[in-house]
Amino acid sequence: MKSVTATELKNQTGRQLEAALTSPVVVNKARRPVAVLISYEQFQRYQALEDRYWGELAKKASKEGFLSAKASSALLDEMLHAGD
């Protein structure tokens, strides 16, 4: 995986975009990674994977049943006050 500084990206945007078509490009600022350039095709694959993941979780929740409004409220209250 290629890594460039934010300045290099600014000065070589076209070159780095071309590189991102074949492999992710990590962009560093102040010596730490802050972003990753990926191809639009790769982005679409990630989106599709995420959609499938959330779809599977929704199917699982539907099979297991849902909490009542009262149970949901109690769970939220418990989570909000967990650190008290």
C-alpha atoms as a PDB file:
ATOM      1  CA  MET A   1       0.000   0.000   0.000  1.00  0.00           C
ATOM      2  CA  LYS A   2       1.347   3.390  -1.006  1.00  0.00           C
ATOM      3  CA  SER A   3       1.693   6.234   1.478  1.00  0.00           C
ATOM      4  CA  VAL A   4       2.023   9.957   0.716  1.00  0.00           C
ATOM      5  CA  THR A   5       2.048  13.179   2.693  1.00  0.00           C
ATOM      6  CA  ALA A   6      -0.802  15.672   2.420  1.00  0.00           C
ATOM      7  CA  THR A   7       1.618  18.038   0.657  1.00  0.00           C
ATOM      8  CA  GLU A   8       2.538  15.356  -1.888  1.00  0.00           C
ATOM      9  CA  LEU A   9      -1.144  14.747  -2.504  1.00  0.00           C
ATOM     10  CA  LYS A  10      -1.733  18.464  -3.044  1.00  0.00           C
ATOM     11  CA  ASN A  11       1.175  18.725  -5.472  1.00  0.00           C
ATOM     12  CA  GLN A  12       0.558  15.409  -7.270  1.00  0.00           C
ATOM     13  CA  THR A  13      -3.204  14.939  -7.131  1.00  0.00           C
ATOM     14  CA  GLY A  14      -3.504  13.424 -10.606  1.00  0.00           C
ATOM     15  CA  ARG A  15      -0.669  10.964 -10.036  1.00  0.00           C
ATOM     16  CA  GLN A  16      -2.046   9.863  -6.672  1.00  0.00           C
ATOM     17  CA  LEU A  17      -5.568   9.455  -8.068  1.00  0.00           C
ATOM     18  CA  GLU A  18      -4.146   7.207 -10.780  1.00  0.00           C
ATOM     19  CA  ALA A  19      -2.278   5.173  -8.155  1.00  0.00           C
ATOM     20  CA  ALA A  20      -5.502   4.776  -6.148  1.00  0.00           C
ATOM     21  CA  LEU A  21      -7.105   3.009  -9.116  1.00  0.00           C
ATOM     22  CA  THR A  22      -4.982  -0.065  -8.431  1.00  0.00           C
ATOM     23  CA  SER A  23      -4.192   0.146  -4.713  1.00  0.00           C
ATOM     24  CA  PRO A  24      -5.245   2.277  -1.743  1.00  0.00           C
ATOM     25  CA  VAL A  25      -3.117   5.365  -1.062  1.00  0.00           C
ATOM     26  CA  VAL A  26      -2.715   6.380   2.587  1.00  0.00           C
ATOM     27  CA  VAL A  27      -2.478  10.128   3.138  1.00  0.00           C
ATOM     28  CA  ASN A  28      -0.408  11.251   6.126  1.00  0.00           C
ATOM     29  CA  LYS A  29      -0.486  14.641   7.819  1.00  0.00           C
ATOM     30  CA  ALA A  30       1.920  15.473  10.632  1.00  0.00           C
ATOM     31  CA  ARG A  31       3.291  11.926  10.273  1.00  0.00           C
ATOM     32  CA  ARG A  32       0.021  10.174  11.028  1.00  0.00           C
ATOM     33  CA  PRO A  33      -2.533   8.616   8.665  1.00  0.00           C
ATOM     34  CA  VAL A  34      -5.593  10.811   8.147  1.00  0.00           C
ATOM     35  CA  ALA A  35      -7.250   9.516   4.968  1.00  0.00           C
ATOM     36  CA  VAL A  36      -7.159   6.800   2.336  1.00  0.00           C
ATOM     37  CA  LEU A  37      -7.736   7.254  -1.390  1.00  0.00           C
ATOM     38  CA  ILE A  38      -9.447   4.311  -3.047  1.00  0.00           C
ATOM     39  CA  SER A  39     -10.946   3.791  -6.468  1.00  0.00           C
ATOM     40  CA  TYR A  40     -14.650   4.427  -6.935  1.00  0.00           C
ATOM     41  CA  GLU A  41     -15.044   0.750  -7.840  1.00  0.00           C
ATOM     42  CA  GLN A  42     -13.501  -0.301  -4.500  1.00  0.00           C
ATOM     43  CA  PHE A  43     -15.717   2.203  -2.682  1.00  0.00           C
ATOM     44  CA  GLN A  44     -18.798   0.650  -4.305  1.00  0.00           C
ATOM     45  CA  ARG A  45     -17.663  -2.823  -3.181  1.00  0.00           C
ATOM     46  CA  TYR A  46     -17.241  -1.580   0.393  1.00  0.00           C
ATOM     47  CA  GLN A  47     -20.687   0.022   0.274  1.00  0.00           C
ATOM     48  CA  ALA A  48     -22.238  -3.216  -0.979  1.00  0.00           C
ATOM     49  CA  LEU A  49     -20.515  -5.188   1.800  1.00  0.00           C
ATOM     50  CA  GLU A  50     -21.745  -2.737   4.410  1.00  0.00           C
ATOM     51  CA  ASP A  51     -25.291  -2.906   3.036  1.00  0.00           C
ATOM     52  CA  ARG A  52     -25.204  -6.713   3.205  1.00  0.00           C
ATOM     53  CA  TYR A  53     -23.839  -6.628   6.753  1.00  0.00           C
ATOM     54  CA  TRP A  54     -26.605  -4.327   8.019  1.00  0.00           C
ATOM     55  CA  GLY A  55     -29.198  -6.314   6.072  1.00  0.00           C
ATOM     56  CA  GLU A  56     -28.098  -9.517   7.790  1.00  0.00           C
ATOM     57  CA  LEU A  57     -28.260  -7.830  11.194  1.00  0.00           C
ATOM     58  CA  ALA A  58     -31.775  -6.611  10.416  1.00  0.00           C
ATOM     59  CA  LYS A  59     -32.851 -10.142   9.407  1.00  0.00           C
ATOM     60  CA  LYS A  60     -31.369 -11.547  12.618  1.00  0.00           C
ATOM     61  CA  ALA A  61     -33.143  -8.909  14.733  1.00  0.00           C
ATOM     62  CA  SER A  62     -36.397  -9.617  12.966  1.00  0.00           C
ATOM     63  CA  LYS A  63     -36.103 -13.347  13.677  1.00  0.00           C
ATOM     64  CA  GLU A  64     -35.181 -12.794  17.317  1.00  0.00           C
ATOM     65  CA  GLY A  65     -37.957 -10.294  17.887  1.00  0.00           C
ATOM     66  CA  PHE A  66     -37.928  -6.691  18.979  1.00  0.00           C
ATOM     67  CA  LEU A  67     -37.964  -5.048  22.383  1.00  0.00           C
ATOM     68  CA  SER A  68     -41.131  -3.417  23.572  1.00  0.00           C
ATOM     69  CA  ALA A  69     -41.156   0.365  23.975  1.00  0.00           C
ATOM     70  CA  LYS A  70     -40.922  -0.085  27.749  1.00  0.00           C
ATOM     71  CA  ALA A  71     -37.976  -2.501  27.484  1.00  0.00           C
ATOM     72  CA  SER A  72     -36.223  -0.219  24.979  1.00  0.00           C
ATOM     73  CA  SER A  73     -36.627   2.772  27.289  1.00  0.00           C
ATOM     74  CA  ALA A  74     -35.289   0.804  30.250  1.00  0.00           C
ATOM     75  CA  LEU A  75     -32.266  -0.386  28.251  1.00  0.00           C
ATOM     76  CA  LEU A  76     -31.491   3.154  27.059  1.00  0.00           C
ATOM     77  CA  ASP A  77     -31.778   4.505  30.603  1.00  0.00           C
ATOM     78  CA  GLU A  78     -29.443   1.769  31.830  1.00  0.00           C
ATOM     79  CA  MET A  79     -26.898   2.564  29.111  1.00  0.00           C
ATOM     80  CA  LEU A  80     -27.072   6.315  29.761  1.00  0.00           C
ATOM     81  CA  HIS A  81     -26.494   5.875  33.475  1.00  0.00           C
ATOM     82  CA  ALA A  82     -23.946   3.048  33.297  1.00  0.00           C
ATOM     83  CA  GLY A  83     -21.096   5.306  34.412  1.00  0.00           C
ATOM     84  CA  ASP A  84     -22.933   6.854  37.373  1.00  0.00           C
END
